[in-house]
Amino acid sequence: MLTGKVDTDVVIGFFDEFAKQIKKTTICVLDNASTHTSKSLKLSFKNGKS
């Protein structure tokens, strides 16, 4: 369980761990929260790190 602030680094960490566990094609839908639209998260997705 996570306690405290959820920022971009936390979201990236979540997706990094989630990506290690999924076994088939998965679609994640994100809203327009600032942590979901940050440059850091977009770069992480683009670079295949999340």
Protein backbone atom coordinates (compact mmCIF):
# COMPACT_ATOMS: atom_id res chain seq x y z
CA MET A 1 0.00 0.00 0.00
CA LEU A 2 1.23 3.47 -0.85
CA THR A 3 0.98 6.30 1.62
CA GLY A 4 1.83 9.89 0.89
CA LYS A 5 2.03 11.95 -2.25
CA VAL A 6 1.61 10.34 -5.68
CA ASP A 7 3.88 12.16 -8.09
CA THR A 8 5.26 11.34 -11.53
CA ASP A 9 8.10 9.23 -10.11
CA VAL A 10 5.59 7.07 -8.22
CA VAL A 11 3.47 6.61 -11.37
CA ILE A 12 6.55 5.68 -13.42
CA GLY A 13 7.58 3.20 -10.72
CA PHE A 14 4.11 1.68 -10.74
CA PHE A 15 4.14 1.19 -14.51
CA ASP A 16 7.67 -0.22 -14.43
CA GLU A 17 6.58 -2.90 -11.95
CA PHE A 18 3.24 -3.48 -13.68
CA ALA A 19 4.97 -4.02 -17.04
CA LYS A 20 7.10 -6.79 -15.52
CA GLN A 21 4.00 -8.69 -14.41
CA ILE A 22 1.65 -8.56 -17.38
CA LYS A 23 1.63 -11.57 -19.66
CA LYS A 24 -0.49 -10.38 -22.59
CA THR A 25 -1.36 -7.22 -24.46
CA THR A 26 -2.82 -4.73 -21.99
CA ILE A 27 -4.34 -1.30 -22.48
CA CYS A 28 -4.19 1.26 -19.68
CA VAL A 29 -6.42 4.31 -19.84
CA LEU A 30 -5.13 7.40 -18.07
CA ASP A 31 -6.98 10.60 -17.31
CA ASN A 32 -5.43 14.03 -17.72
CA ALA A 33 -3.98 14.26 -14.22
CA SER A 34 -0.72 16.18 -14.26
CA THR A 35 1.22 13.04 -13.25
CA HIS A 36 -0.22 11.25 -16.29
CA THR A 37 0.66 13.98 -18.77
CA SER A 38 4.13 14.90 -17.54
CA LYS A 39 7.10 14.95 -19.88
CA SER A 40 8.90 12.44 -17.67
CA LEU A 41 6.12 9.85 -17.97
CA LYS A 42 5.78 10.39 -21.71
CA LEU A 43 9.55 9.87 -22.12
CA SER A 44 9.41 6.77 -19.98
CA PHE A 45 6.67 5.27 -22.18
CA LYS A 46 8.46 6.31 -25.35
CA ASN A 47 11.74 4.75 -24.21
CA GLY A 48 10.00 1.53 -23.23
CA LYS A 49 10.88 1.90 -19.59
CA SER A 50 7.25 1.80 -18.49
